[in-house]
PDB file of N, CA and C in Angstrom:
ATOM      1  N   MET A   1     -21.468 -17.076  12.883  1.00  0.00           N
ATOM      2  CA  MET A   1     -20.110 -16.606  13.030  1.00  0.00           C
ATOM      3  C   MET A   1     -19.636 -17.134  14.495  1.00  0.00           C
ATOM      4  N   SER A   2     -18.571 -17.750  14.676  1.00  0.00           N
ATOM      5  CA  SER A   2     -18.156 -18.322  15.873  1.00  0.00           C
ATOM      6  C   SER A   2     -17.427 -17.228  16.581  1.00  0.00           C
ATOM      7  N   GLU A   3     -17.008 -17.560  17.936  1.00  0.00           N
ATOM      8  CA  GLU A   3     -16.256 -16.684  18.701  1.00  0.00           C
ATOM      9  C   GLU A   3     -14.939 -16.235  18.292  1.00  0.00           C
ATOM     10  N   SER A   4     -14.266 -17.364  17.541  1.00  0.00           N
ATOM     11  CA  SER A   4     -12.740 -17.010  17.082  1.00  0.00           C
ATOM     12  C   SER A   4     -13.002 -16.028  15.845  1.00  0.00           C
ATOM     13  N   ASP A   5     -14.085 -15.854  15.145  1.00  0.00           N
ATOM     14  CA  ASP A   5     -14.256 -15.082  14.010  1.00  0.00           C
ATOM     15  C   ASP A   5     -14.573 -13.570  14.275  1.00  0.00           C
ATOM     16  N   SER A   6     -14.809 -13.396  15.741  1.00  0.00           N
ATOM     17  CA  SER A   6     -15.144 -12.077  16.083  1.00  0.00           C
ATOM     18  C   SER A   6     -13.893 -11.253  16.098  1.00  0.00           C
ATOM     19  N   GLY A   7     -14.027  -9.856  15.909  1.00  0.00           N
ATOM     20  CA  GLY A   7     -12.945  -9.001  15.955  1.00  0.00           C
ATOM     21  C   GLY A   7     -12.511  -8.415  14.707  1.00  0.00           C
ATOM     22  N   LEU A   8     -11.499  -7.671  14.561  1.00  0.00           N
ATOM     23  CA  LEU A   8     -11.047  -6.919  13.409  1.00  0.00           C
ATOM     24  C   LEU A   8      -9.896  -7.797  12.695  1.00  0.00           C
ATOM     25  N   LYS A   9     -10.089  -8.086  11.456  1.00  0.00           N
ATOM     26  CA  LYS A   9      -8.866  -8.750  10.805  1.00  0.00           C
ATOM     27  C   LYS A   9      -7.878  -7.809  10.188  1.00  0.00           C
ATOM     28  N   ILE A  10      -6.618  -7.793  10.595  1.00  0.00           N
ATOM     29  CA  ILE A  10      -5.599  -6.882  10.070  1.00  0.00           C
ATOM     30  C   ILE A  10      -4.482  -7.750   9.623  1.00  0.00           C
ATOM     31  N   ASP A  11      -4.141  -7.849   8.409  1.00  0.00           N
ATOM     32  CA  ASP A  11      -3.059  -8.755   7.905  1.00  0.00           C
ATOM     33  C   ASP A  11      -3.134 -10.203   8.440  1.00  0.00           C
ATOM     34  N   ASN A  12      -4.189 -10.772   8.125  1.00  0.00           N
ATOM     35  CA  ASN A  12      -4.362 -12.171   8.619  1.00  0.00           C
ATOM     36  C   ASN A  12      -4.344 -12.371  10.330  1.00  0.00           C
ATOM     37  N   GLN A  13      -4.670 -11.368  10.982  1.00  0.00           N
ATOM     38  CA  GLN A  13      -4.560 -11.337  12.306  1.00  0.00           C
ATOM     39  C   GLN A  13      -5.749 -10.645  12.874  1.00  0.00           C
ATOM     40  N   THR A  14      -6.369 -11.428  13.895  1.00  0.00           N
ATOM     41  CA  THR A  14      -7.603 -10.922  14.650  1.00  0.00           C
ATOM     42  C   THR A  14      -7.287  -9.989  15.715  1.00  0.00           C
ATOM     43  N   VAL A  15      -7.791  -8.678  15.861  1.00  0.00           N
ATOM     44  CA  VAL A  15      -7.549  -7.955  16.872  1.00  0.00           C
ATOM     45  C   VAL A  15      -9.138  -7.954  17.545  1.00  0.00           C
ATOM     46  N   ASN A  16      -8.976  -8.451  18.832  1.00  0.00           N
ATOM     47  CA  ASN A  16     -10.273  -8.415  19.561  1.00  0.00           C
ATOM     48  C   ASN A  16     -10.118  -7.724  20.843  1.00  0.00           C
ATOM     49  N   ASN A  17     -11.188  -7.822  21.696  1.00  0.00           N
ATOM     50  CA  ASN A  17     -11.109  -7.098  22.910  1.00  0.00           C
ATOM     51  C   ASN A  17     -10.037  -7.623  23.998  1.00  0.00           C
ATOM     52  N   GLN A  18      -9.578  -8.694  23.755  1.00  0.00           N
ATOM     53  CA  GLN A  18      -8.566  -9.491  24.566  1.00  0.00           C
ATOM     54  C   GLN A  18      -7.212  -9.210  23.949  1.00  0.00           C
ATOM     55  N   GLY A  19      -7.078  -8.439  22.797  1.00  0.00           N
ATOM     56  CA  GLY A  19      -5.671  -8.257  22.389  1.00  0.00           C
ATOM     57  C   GLY A  19      -5.588  -8.911  20.928  1.00  0.00           C
ATOM     58  N   THR A  20      -4.499  -9.752  20.764  1.00  0.00           N
ATOM     59  CA  THR A  20      -4.364 -10.340  19.351  1.00  0.00           C
ATOM     60  C   THR A  20      -4.343 -11.975  19.534  1.00  0.00           C
ATOM     61  N   ASP A  21      -5.022 -12.598  18.571  1.00  0.00           N
ATOM     62  CA  ASP A  21      -4.874 -13.943  18.557  1.00  0.00           C
ATOM     63  C   ASP A  21      -3.688 -14.541  17.861  1.00  0.00           C
ATOM     64  N   ASN A  22      -3.254 -15.660  18.239  1.00  0.00           N
ATOM     65  CA  ASN A  22      -2.054 -16.286  17.781  1.00  0.00           C
ATOM     66  C   ASN A  22      -2.358 -16.826  16.244  1.00  0.00           C
ATOM     67  N   GLN A  23      -2.467 -16.086  15.292  1.00  0.00           N
ATOM     68  CA  GLN A  23      -2.487 -16.472  14.067  1.00  0.00           C
ATOM     69  C   GLN A  23      -1.390 -16.131  13.127  1.00  0.00           C
ATOM     70  N   GLU A  24      -1.512 -16.207  11.791  1.00  0.00           N
ATOM     71  CA  GLU A  24      -0.281 -15.877  10.918  1.00  0.00           C
ATOM     72  C   GLU A  24       0.086 -14.562  11.149  1.00  0.00           C
ATOM     73  N   ILE A  25       1.547 -14.305  11.288  1.00  0.00           N
ATOM     74  CA  ILE A  25       2.008 -13.088  11.612  1.00  0.00           C
ATOM     75  C   ILE A  25       2.292 -12.322  10.356  1.00  0.00           C
ATOM     76  N   GLY A  26       1.689 -11.327  10.142  1.00  0.00           N
ATOM     77  CA  GLY A  26       1.891 -10.277   8.900  1.00  0.00           C
ATOM     78  C   GLY A  26       2.980  -9.270   9.284  1.00  0.00           C
ATOM     79  N   HIS A  27       3.300  -8.552   8.457  1.00  0.00           N
ATOM     80  CA  HIS A  27       4.548  -7.587   8.582  1.00  0.00           C
ATOM     81  C   HIS A  27       4.237  -6.492   9.561  1.00  0.00           C
ATOM     82  N   GLN A  28       2.752  -6.268   9.690  1.00  0.00           N
ATOM     83  CA  GLN A  28       2.487  -5.126  10.575  1.00  0.00           C
ATOM     84  C   GLN A  28       2.079  -5.601  11.969  1.00  0.00           C
ATOM     85  N   SER A  29       2.189  -6.890  12.169  1.00  0.00           N
ATOM     86  CA  SER A  29       1.616  -7.555  13.435  1.00  0.00           C
ATOM     87  C   SER A  29       2.343  -6.891  14.726  1.00  0.00           C
ATOM     88  N   TYR A  30       3.697  -6.747  14.531  1.00  0.00           N
ATOM     89  CA  TYR A  30       4.402  -6.181  15.774  1.00  0.00           C
ATOM     90  C   TYR A  30       3.976  -4.867  16.013  1.00  0.00           C
ATOM     91  N   VAL A  31       3.637  -3.955  15.114  1.00  0.00           N
ATOM     92  CA  VAL A  31       3.048  -2.588  15.409  1.00  0.00           C
ATOM     93  C   VAL A  31       1.698  -2.759  16.043  1.00  0.00           C
ATOM     94  N   ILE A  32       0.829  -3.598  15.531  1.00  0.00           N
ATOM     95  CA  ILE A  32      -0.538  -3.846  16.058  1.00  0.00           C
ATOM     96  C   ILE A  32      -0.352  -4.326  17.375  1.00  0.00           C
ATOM     97  N   ARG A  33       0.593  -5.234  17.679  1.00  0.00           N
ATOM     98  CA  ARG A  33       0.739  -5.782  19.077  1.00  0.00           C
ATOM     99  C   ARG A  33       1.210  -4.794  19.991  1.00  0.00           C
ATOM    100  N   PHE A  34       2.035  -3.885  19.592  1.00  0.00           N
ATOM    101  CA  PHE A  34       2.547  -2.716  20.365  1.00  0.00           C
ATOM    102  C   PHE A  34       1.475  -1.760  20.772  1.00  0.00           C
ATOM    103  N   PHE A  35       0.751  -1.318  19.701  1.00  0.00           N
ATOM    104  CA  PHE A  35      -0.163  -0.424  19.911  1.00  0.00           C
ATOM    105  C   PHE A  35      -1.524  -1.038  20.777  1.00  0.00           C
ATOM    106  N   TYR A  36      -1.776  -2.255  20.790  1.00  0.00           N
ATOM    107  CA  TYR A  36      -2.703  -2.826  21.565  1.00  0.00           C
ATOM    108  C   TYR A  36      -2.191  -3.603  22.695  1.00  0.00           C
ATOM    109  N   GLY A  37      -1.074  -3.456  23.198  1.00  0.00           N
ATOM    110  CA  GLY A  37      -0.561  -4.010  24.397  1.00  0.00           C
ATOM    111  C   GLY A  37      -0.860  -3.178  25.546  1.00  0.00           C
ATOM    112  N   GLY A  38      -0.625  -3.697  26.770  1.00  0.00           N
ATOM    113  CA  GLY A  38      -0.806  -3.157  27.940  1.00  0.00           C
ATOM    114  C   GLY A  38      -0.152  -1.815  28.139  1.00  0.00           C
ATOM    115  N   PHE A  39       0.985  -1.566  27.784  1.00  0.00           N
ATOM    116  CA  PHE A  39       1.732  -0.322  27.967  1.00  0.00           C
ATOM    117  C   PHE A  39       1.093   0.906  27.238  1.00  0.00           C
ATOM    118  N   ALA A  40       0.882   0.555  25.793  1.00  0.00           N
ATOM    119  CA  ALA A  40       0.159   1.509  24.959  1.00  0.00           C
ATOM    120  C   ALA A  40      -1.166   2.032  25.545  1.00  0.00           C
ATOM    121  N   ARG A  41      -1.864   1.078  26.021  1.00  0.00           N
ATOM    122  CA  ARG A  41      -3.169   1.240  26.544  1.00  0.00           C
ATOM    123  C   ARG A  41      -3.137   2.133  27.775  1.00  0.00           C
ATOM    124  N   LEU A  42      -2.065   1.871  28.524  1.00  0.00           N
ATOM    125  CA  LEU A  42      -1.854   2.728  29.737  1.00  0.00           C
ATOM    126  C   LEU A  42      -1.526   4.197  29.324  1.00  0.00           C
ATOM    127  N   VAL A  43      -0.655   4.276  28.381  1.00  0.00           N
ATOM    128  CA  VAL A  43      -0.286   5.648  27.899  1.00  0.00           C
ATOM    129  C   VAL A  43      -1.627   6.335  27.494  1.00  0.00           C
ATOM    130  N   SER A  44      -2.335   5.668  26.556  1.00  0.00           N
ATOM    131  CA  SER A  44      -3.596   6.269  26.127  1.00  0.00           C
ATOM    132  C   SER A  44      -4.628   6.736  27.345  1.00  0.00           C
ATOM    133  N   PHE A  45      -4.775   5.900  28.279  1.00  0.00           N
ATOM    134  CA  PHE A  45      -5.664   6.185  29.395  1.00  0.00           C
ATOM    135  C   PHE A  45      -4.978   7.336  30.297  1.00  0.00           C
ATOM    136  N   VAL A  46      -3.712   7.359  30.566  1.00  0.00           N
ATOM    137  CA  VAL A  46      -3.144   8.355  31.380  1.00  0.00           C
ATOM    138  C   VAL A  46      -3.287   9.581  30.606  1.00  0.00           C
ATOM    139  N   LEU A  47      -2.920   9.739  29.340  1.00  0.00           N
ATOM    140  CA  LEU A  47      -3.181  11.085  28.568  1.00  0.00           C
ATOM    141  C   LEU A  47      -4.563  11.619  28.538  1.00  0.00           C
ATOM    142  N   ALA A  48      -5.568  10.669  28.473  1.00  0.00           N
ATOM    143  CA  ALA A  48      -6.841  11.069  28.308  1.00  0.00           C
ATOM    144  C   ALA A  48      -7.422  11.550  29.647  1.00  0.00           C
ATOM    145  N   ILE A  49      -6.974  10.979  30.729  1.00  0.00           N
ATOM    146  CA  ILE A  49      -7.339  11.402  32.080  1.00  0.00           C
ATOM    147  C   ILE A  49      -6.673  12.724  32.390  1.00  0.00           C
ATOM    148  N   LEU A  50      -5.457  12.865  31.912  1.00  0.00           N
ATOM    149  CA  LEU A  50      -4.668  14.292  32.141  1.00  0.00           C
ATOM    150  C   LEU A  50      -5.365  15.390  31.424  1.00  0.00           C
ATOM    151  N   LEU A  51      -5.670  15.111  30.236  1.00  0.00           N
ATOM    152  CA  LEU A  51      -6.226  16.163  29.456  1.00  0.00           C
ATOM    153  C   LEU A  51      -7.736  16.554  29.808  1.00  0.00           C
ATOM    154  N   ALA A  52      -8.448  15.320  30.099  1.00  0.00           N
ATOM    155  CA  ALA A  52      -9.851  15.603  30.556  1.00  0.00           C
ATOM    156  C   ALA A  52      -9.936  16.317  31.826  1.00  0.00           C
ATOM    157  N   GLY A  53      -9.106  16.084  32.732  1.00  0.00           N
ATOM    158  CA  GLY A  53      -8.934  16.666  34.032  1.00  0.00           C
ATOM    159  C   GLY A  53      -8.566  18.248  33.824  1.00  0.00           C
ATOM    160  N   VAL A  54      -7.737  18.353  33.029  1.00  0.00           N
ATOM    161  CA  VAL A  54      -7.284  19.811  32.843  1.00  0.00           C
ATOM    162  C   VAL A  54      -8.566  20.600  32.259  1.00  0.00           C
ATOM    163  N   ALA A  55      -9.180  20.070  31.355  1.00  0.00           N
ATOM    164  CA  ALA A  55     -10.257  20.804  30.760  1.00  0.00           C
ATOM    165  C   ALA A  55     -11.389  20.932  31.716  1.00  0.00           C
ATOM    166  N   MET A  56     -11.492  20.112  32.703  1.00  0.00           N
ATOM    167  CA  MET A  56     -12.643  20.275  33.738  1.00  0.00           C
ATOM    168  C   MET A  56     -12.314  21.101  34.884  1.00  0.00           C
ATOM    169  N   ILE A  57     -11.148  20.799  35.328  1.00  0.00           N
ATOM    170  CA  ILE A  57     -10.529  21.479  36.592  1.00  0.00           C
ATOM    171  C   ILE A  57      -9.969  22.853  36.323  1.00  0.00           C
ATOM    172  N   VAL A  58      -9.167  22.924  35.216  1.00  0.00           N
ATOM    173  CA  VAL A  58      -8.311  24.256  35.117  1.00  0.00           C
ATOM    174  C   VAL A  58      -8.831  24.632  33.572  1.00  0.00           C
ATOM    175  N   PRO A  59      -9.980  25.162  33.340  1.00  0.00           N
ATOM    176  CA  PRO A  59     -10.199  25.527  31.934  1.00  0.00           C
ATOM    177  C   PRO A  59      -9.505  26.699  31.518  1.00  0.00           C
ATOM    178  N   GLN A  60      -8.919  27.423  32.540  1.00  0.00           N
ATOM    179  CA  GLN A  60      -8.084  28.833  32.230  1.00  0.00           C
ATOM    180  C   GLN A  60      -6.902  28.459  31.210  1.00  0.00           C
ATOM    181  N   LEU A  61      -6.528  27.185  31.331  1.00  0.00           N
ATOM    182  CA  LEU A  61      -5.325  26.704  30.557  1.00  0.00           C
ATOM    183  C   LEU A  61      -5.705  26.868  29.063  1.00  0.00           C
ATOM    184  N   ILE A  62      -7.172  26.566  28.752  1.00  0.00           N
ATOM    185  CA  ILE A  62      -7.334  26.488  27.408  1.00  0.00           C
ATOM    186  C   ILE A  62      -7.612  27.794  26.906  1.00  0.00           C
ATOM    187  N   ALA A  63      -8.330  28.636  27.751  1.00  0.00           N
ATOM    188  CA  ALA A  63      -8.756  30.083  27.274  1.00  0.00           C
ATOM    189  C   ALA A  63      -9.230  30.816  28.603  1.00  0.00           C
ATOM    190  N   GLU A  64      -8.852  32.115  28.507  1.00  0.00           N
ATOM    191  CA  GLU A  64      -9.292  32.975  29.631  1.00  0.00           C
ATOM    192  C   GLU A  64     -10.869  33.339  29.716  1.00  0.00           C
ATOM    193  N   GLU A  65     -11.324  33.423  28.451  1.00  0.00           N
ATOM    194  CA  GLU A  65     -12.777  33.682  28.337  1.00  0.00           C
ATOM    195  C   GLU A  65     -13.373  32.721  27.252  1.00  0.00           C
ATOM    196  N   ALA A  66     -14.591  32.509  27.382  1.00  0.00           N
ATOM    197  CA  ALA A  66     -15.265  31.449  26.525  1.00  0.00           C
ATOM    198  C   ALA A  66     -15.269  31.749  25.117  1.00  0.00           C
ATOM    199  N   HIS A  67     -15.058  33.188  24.866  1.00  0.00           N
ATOM    200  CA  HIS A  67     -15.265  33.574  23.385  1.00  0.00           C
ATOM    201  C   HIS A  67     -13.698  33.536  22.783  1.00  0.00           C
ATOM    202  N   GLU A  68     -12.666  33.309  23.537  1.00  0.00           N
ATOM    203  CA  GLU A  68     -11.270  33.186  23.217  1.00  0.00           C
ATOM    204  C   GLU A  68     -10.781  31.845  22.622  1.00  0.00           C
ATOM    205  N   VAL A  69     -11.623  30.727  22.954  1.00  0.00           N
ATOM    206  CA  VAL A  69     -11.312  29.431  22.641  1.00  0.00           C
ATOM    207  C   VAL A  69     -11.482  29.208  21.178  1.00  0.00           C
ATOM    208  N   ASN A  70     -10.514  28.414  20.698  1.00  0.00           N
ATOM    209  CA  ASN A  70     -10.605  27.932  19.259  1.00  0.00           C
ATOM    210  C   ASN A  70     -11.453  26.754  19.221  1.00  0.00           C
ATOM    211  N   HIS A  71     -12.667  26.748  18.977  1.00  0.00           N
ATOM    212  CA  HIS A  71     -13.565  25.645  19.039  1.00  0.00           C
ATOM    213  C   HIS A  71     -13.244  24.404  18.217  1.00  0.00           C
ATOM    214  N   SER A  72     -12.557  24.710  17.007  1.00  0.00           N
ATOM    215  CA  SER A  72     -12.283  23.629  16.036  1.00  0.00           C
ATOM    216  C   SER A  72     -11.134  22.775  16.904  1.00  0.00           C
ATOM    217  N   LEU A  73     -10.132  23.437  17.362  1.00  0.00           N
ATOM    218  CA  LEU A  73      -9.124  22.776  18.182  1.00  0.00           C
ATOM    219  C   LEU A  73      -9.593  22.105  19.377  1.00  0.00           C
ATOM    220  N   LEU A  74     -10.560  22.690  20.028  1.00  0.00           N
ATOM    221  CA  LEU A  74     -11.115  22.115  21.270  1.00  0.00           C
ATOM    222  C   LEU A  74     -11.845  20.851  20.835  1.00  0.00           C
ATOM    223  N   MET A  75     -12.697  20.824  19.880  1.00  0.00           N
ATOM    224  CA  MET A  75     -13.473  19.603  19.342  1.00  0.00           C
ATOM    225  C   MET A  75     -12.486  18.520  18.997  1.00  0.00           C
ATOM    226  N   LEU A  76     -11.334  18.924  18.355  1.00  0.00           N
ATOM    227  CA  LEU A  76     -10.383  17.894  17.813  1.00  0.00           C
ATOM    228  C   LEU A  76      -9.685  17.195  19.239  1.00  0.00           C
ATOM    229  N   SER A  77      -9.540  18.129  20.132  1.00  0.00           N
ATOM    230  CA  SER A  77      -9.028  17.702  21.468  1.00  0.00           C
ATOM    231  C   SER A  77      -9.968  16.651  22.144  1.00  0.00           C
ATOM    232  N   MET A  78     -11.105  16.956  21.958  1.00  0.00           N
ATOM    233  CA  MET A  78     -12.235  16.058  22.675  1.00  0.00           C
ATOM    234  C   MET A  78     -12.297  14.543  21.816  1.00  0.00           C
ATOM    235  N   LEU A  79     -12.022  14.770  20.625  1.00  0.00           N
ATOM    236  CA  LEU A  79     -12.062  13.438  19.760  1.00  0.00           C
ATOM    237  C   LEU A  79     -10.647  12.743  20.293  1.00  0.00           C
ATOM    238  N   GLY A  80      -9.603  13.315  20.488  1.00  0.00           N
ATOM    239  CA  GLY A  80      -8.420  12.636  21.025  1.00  0.00           C
ATOM    240  C   GLY A  80      -8.678  12.067  22.259  1.00  0.00           C
ATOM    241  N   ILE A  81      -9.282  12.847  23.198  1.00  0.00           N
ATOM    242  CA  ILE A  81      -9.601  12.319  24.442  1.00  0.00           C
ATOM    243  C   ILE A  81     -10.476  11.145  24.607  1.00  0.00           C
ATOM    244  N   SER A  82     -11.450  11.211  23.714  1.00  0.00           N
ATOM    245  CA  SER A  82     -12.308  10.031  23.506  1.00  0.00           C
ATOM    246  C   SER A  82     -11.631   8.752  23.043  1.00  0.00           C
ATOM    247  N   GLY A  83     -10.857   9.132  22.043  1.00  0.00           N
ATOM    248  CA  GLY A  83     -10.093   7.957  21.520  1.00  0.00           C
ATOM    249  C   GLY A  83      -9.108   7.354  22.552  1.00  0.00           C
ATOM    250  N   GLY A  84      -8.517   8.216  23.324  1.00  0.00           N
ATOM    251  CA  GLY A  84      -7.610   7.782  24.442  1.00  0.00           C
ATOM    252  C   GLY A  84      -8.411   6.902  25.413  1.00  0.00           C
ATOM    253  N   PHE A  85      -9.667   7.422  25.962  1.00  0.00           N
ATOM    254  CA  PHE A  85     -10.467   6.569  26.830  1.00  0.00           C
ATOM    255  C   PHE A  85     -10.816   5.243  26.164  1.00  0.00           C
ATOM    256  N   ILE A  86     -11.263   5.321  24.997  1.00  0.00           N
ATOM    257  CA  ILE A  86     -11.700   4.000  24.321  1.00  0.00           C
ATOM    258  C   ILE A  86     -10.586   2.980  24.178  1.00  0.00           C
ATOM    259  N   HIS A  87      -9.393   3.391  23.676  1.00  0.00           N
ATOM    260  CA  HIS A  87      -8.375   2.581  23.604  1.00  0.00           C
ATOM    261  C   HIS A  87      -7.827   2.201  24.907  1.00  0.00           C
ATOM    262  N   GLY A  88      -7.678   3.089  25.903  1.00  0.00           N
ATOM    263  CA  GLY A  88      -7.275   2.912  27.170  1.00  0.00           C
ATOM    264  C   GLY A  88      -7.819   1.894  28.020  1.00  0.00           C
ATOM    265  N   VAL A  89      -9.169   1.764  27.923  1.00  0.00           N
ATOM    266  CA  VAL A  89      -9.961   0.696  28.700  1.00  0.00           C
ATOM    267  C   VAL A  89     -10.040  -0.596  27.996  1.00  0.00           C
ATOM    268  N   GLY A  90      -9.344  -0.639  26.792  1.00  0.00           N
ATOM    269  CA  GLY A  90      -9.359  -1.854  26.068  1.00  0.00           C
ATOM    270  C   GLY A  90     -10.473  -2.276  25.037  1.00  0.00           C
ATOM    271  N   PHE A  91     -11.293  -1.321  24.750  1.00  0.00           N
ATOM    272  CA  PHE A  91     -12.368  -1.477  23.731  1.00  0.00           C
ATOM    273  C   PHE A  91     -11.812  -1.426  22.370  1.00  0.00           C
ATOM    274  N   VAL A  92     -12.186  -2.398  21.624  1.00  0.00           N
ATOM    275  CA  VAL A  92     -11.775  -2.334  20.177  1.00  0.00           C
ATOM    276  C   VAL A  92     -12.909  -2.395  19.383  1.00  0.00           C
ATOM    277  N   PRO A  93     -13.375  -1.279  18.742  1.00  0.00           N
ATOM    278  CA  PRO A  93     -14.629  -1.352  17.829  1.00  0.00           C
ATOM    279  C   PRO A  93     -14.492  -2.327  16.675  1.00  0.00           C
ATOM    280  N   ARG A  94     -15.638  -2.927  16.306  1.00  0.00           N
ATOM    281  CA  ARG A  94     -15.612  -3.907  15.198  1.00  0.00           C
ATOM    282  C   ARG A  94     -15.652  -3.390  13.942  1.00  0.00           C
ATOM    283  N   HIS A  95     -16.299  -2.225  13.671  1.00  0.00           N
ATOM    284  CA  HIS A  95     -16.507  -1.545  12.333  1.00  0.00           C
ATOM    285  C   HIS A  95     -15.168  -0.838  12.055  1.00  0.00           C
ATOM    286  N   TRP A  96     -14.715  -0.963  10.881  1.00  0.00           N
ATOM    287  CA  TRP A  96     -13.340  -0.483  10.454  1.00  0.00           C
ATOM    288  C   TRP A  96     -13.302   1.125  10.600  1.00  0.00           C
ATOM    289  N   PHE A  97     -14.499   1.790  10.415  1.00  0.00           N
ATOM    290  CA  PHE A  97     -14.563   3.273  10.515  1.00  0.00           C
ATOM    291  C   PHE A  97     -14.225   3.695  11.999  1.00  0.00           C
ATOM    292  N   TRP A  98     -14.870   3.021  12.866  1.00  0.00           N
ATOM    293  CA  TRP A  98     -14.906   3.405  14.304  1.00  0.00           C
ATOM    294  C   TRP A  98     -13.505   2.971  14.910  1.00  0.00           C
ATOM    295  N   TRP A  99     -12.955   1.731  14.370  1.00  0.00           N
ATOM    296  CA  TRP A  99     -11.747   1.339  14.679  1.00  0.00           C
ATOM    297  C   TRP A  99     -10.544   2.231  14.360  1.00  0.00           C
ATOM    298  N   ALA A 100     -10.643   2.662  13.121  1.00  0.00           N
ATOM    299  CA  ALA A 100      -9.736   3.713  12.664  1.00  0.00           C
ATOM    300  C   ALA A 100      -9.883   5.120  13.430  1.00  0.00           C
ATOM    301  N   LEU A 101     -11.051   5.529  13.657  1.00  0.00           N
ATOM    302  CA  LEU A 101     -11.223   6.845  14.285  1.00  0.00           C
ATOM    303  C   LEU A 101     -10.735   6.973  15.730  1.00  0.00           C
ATOM    304  N   PHE A 102     -11.084   5.837  16.417  1.00  0.00           N
ATOM    305  CA  PHE A 102     -10.600   5.800  17.909  1.00  0.00           C
ATOM    306  C   PHE A 102      -9.560   4.879  18.132  1.00  0.00           C
ATOM    307  N   SER A 103      -8.579   4.681  17.145  1.00  0.00           N
ATOM    308  CA  SER A 103      -7.400   3.933  17.312  1.00  0.00           C
ATOM    309  C   SER A 103      -6.298   4.698  17.798  1.00  0.00           C
ATOM    310  N   PRO A 104      -5.246   4.226  18.495  1.00  0.00           N
ATOM    311  CA  PRO A 104      -4.120   5.020  18.894  1.00  0.00           C
ATOM    312  C   PRO A 104      -3.309   5.671  17.800  1.00  0.00           C
ATOM    313  N   PHE A 105      -3.504   5.284  16.609  1.00  0.00           N
ATOM    314  CA  PHE A 105      -2.872   6.010  15.420  1.00  0.00           C
ATOM    315  C   PHE A 105      -3.405   7.318  15.201  1.00  0.00           C
ATOM    316  N   VAL A 106      -4.733   7.443  15.488  1.00  0.00           N
ATOM    317  CA  VAL A 106      -5.418   8.853  15.436  1.00  0.00           C
ATOM    318  C   VAL A 106      -5.332   9.536  16.872  1.00  0.00           C
ATOM    319  N   ALA A 107      -5.619   8.911  17.750  1.00  0.00           N
ATOM    320  CA  ALA A 107      -5.807   9.515  19.072  1.00  0.00           C
ATOM    321  C   ALA A 107      -4.421  10.044  19.636  1.00  0.00           C
ATOM    322  N   TRP A 108      -3.295   9.213  19.552  1.00  0.00           N
ATOM    323  CA  TRP A 108      -2.062   9.882  20.126  1.00  0.00           C
ATOM    324  C   TRP A 108      -1.616  11.166  19.458  1.00  0.00           C
ATOM    325  N   PRO A 109      -1.588  11.361  18.107  1.00  0.00           N
ATOM    326  CA  PRO A 109      -1.193  12.569  17.554  1.00  0.00           C
ATOM    327  C   PRO A 109      -2.065  13.625  18.047  1.00  0.00           C
ATOM    328  N   ILE A 110      -3.355  13.386  18.005  1.00  0.00           N
ATOM    329  CA  ILE A 110      -4.111  14.563  18.684  1.00  0.00           C
ATOM    330  C   ILE A 110      -3.995  14.883  20.135  1.00  0.00           C
ATOM    331  N   LEU A 111      -3.758  13.738  20.956  1.00  0.00           N
ATOM    332  CA  LEU A 111      -3.549  14.010  22.402  1.00  0.00           C
ATOM    333  C   LEU A 111      -2.160  14.902  22.566  1.00  0.00           C
ATOM    334  N   PHE A 112      -1.204  14.452  21.796  1.00  0.00           N
ATOM    335  CA  PHE A 112       0.023  15.224  22.020  1.00  0.00           C
ATOM    336  C   PHE A 112       0.001  16.624  21.316  1.00  0.00           C
ATOM    337  N   LEU A 113      -0.782  16.706  20.319  1.00  0.00           N
ATOM    338  CA  LEU A 113      -1.090  18.227  19.781  1.00  0.00           C
ATOM    339  C   LEU A 113      -1.840  19.055  20.799  1.00  0.00           C
ATOM    340  N   SER A 114      -2.703  18.357  21.525  1.00  0.00           N
ATOM    341  CA  SER A 114      -3.598  18.942  22.616  1.00  0.00           C
ATOM    342  C   SER A 114      -2.719  19.377  23.778  1.00  0.00           C
ATOM    343  N   ILE A 115      -1.723  18.575  24.239  1.00  0.00           N
ATOM    344  CA  ILE A 115      -0.675  18.837  25.086  1.00  0.00           C
ATOM    345  C   ILE A 115       0.033  20.171  24.840  1.00  0.00           C
ATOM    346  N   TYR A 116       0.611  19.993  23.661  1.00  0.00           N
ATOM    347  CA  TYR A 116       1.400  21.262  23.116  1.00  0.00           C
ATOM    348  C   TYR A 116       0.357  22.600  23.142  1.00  0.00           C
ATOM    349  N   TRP A 117      -0.703  22.319  22.761  1.00  0.00           N
ATOM    350  CA  TRP A 117      -1.665  23.529  22.406  1.00  0.00           C
ATOM    351  C   TRP A 117      -1.922  24.115  23.758  1.00  0.00           C
ATOM    352  N   TRP A 118      -2.336  23.084  24.824  1.00  0.00           N
ATOM    353  CA  TRP A 118      -2.901  23.631  26.160  1.00  0.00           C
ATOM    354  C   TRP A 118      -1.772  24.056  27.050  1.00  0.00           C
ATOM    355  N   PHE A 119      -0.660  23.521  26.931  1.00  0.00           N
ATOM    356  CA  PHE A 119       0.490  23.798  27.978  1.00  0.00           C
ATOM    357  C   PHE A 119       1.549  24.638  27.276  1.00  0.00           C
TER     358      PHE A 119
END
């Protein structure tokens, strides 16, 4: 496998750690370019830092007592925060399952749900 073959293929376009290669442009390439561009990564990173900071510094926003917290929603929030950090630093997993789980398509709705839930 050569260097140009590494990365995830989506609609004849390779998404790798550096962004997107200039290959054939499919109908979803503009969406992929937007979500894997610099601005989207910044949004993911800022949201992840904000929510991780709130969870560590002011846990009273989540729940007053440890037994009051909804652990299912907290676990979902942690998944969104993980996805925000992974996407925000520019890492693109190679396996399709991890790419889908930690993509902004999954992380952003969870992060915004967490903001709504916590604040």
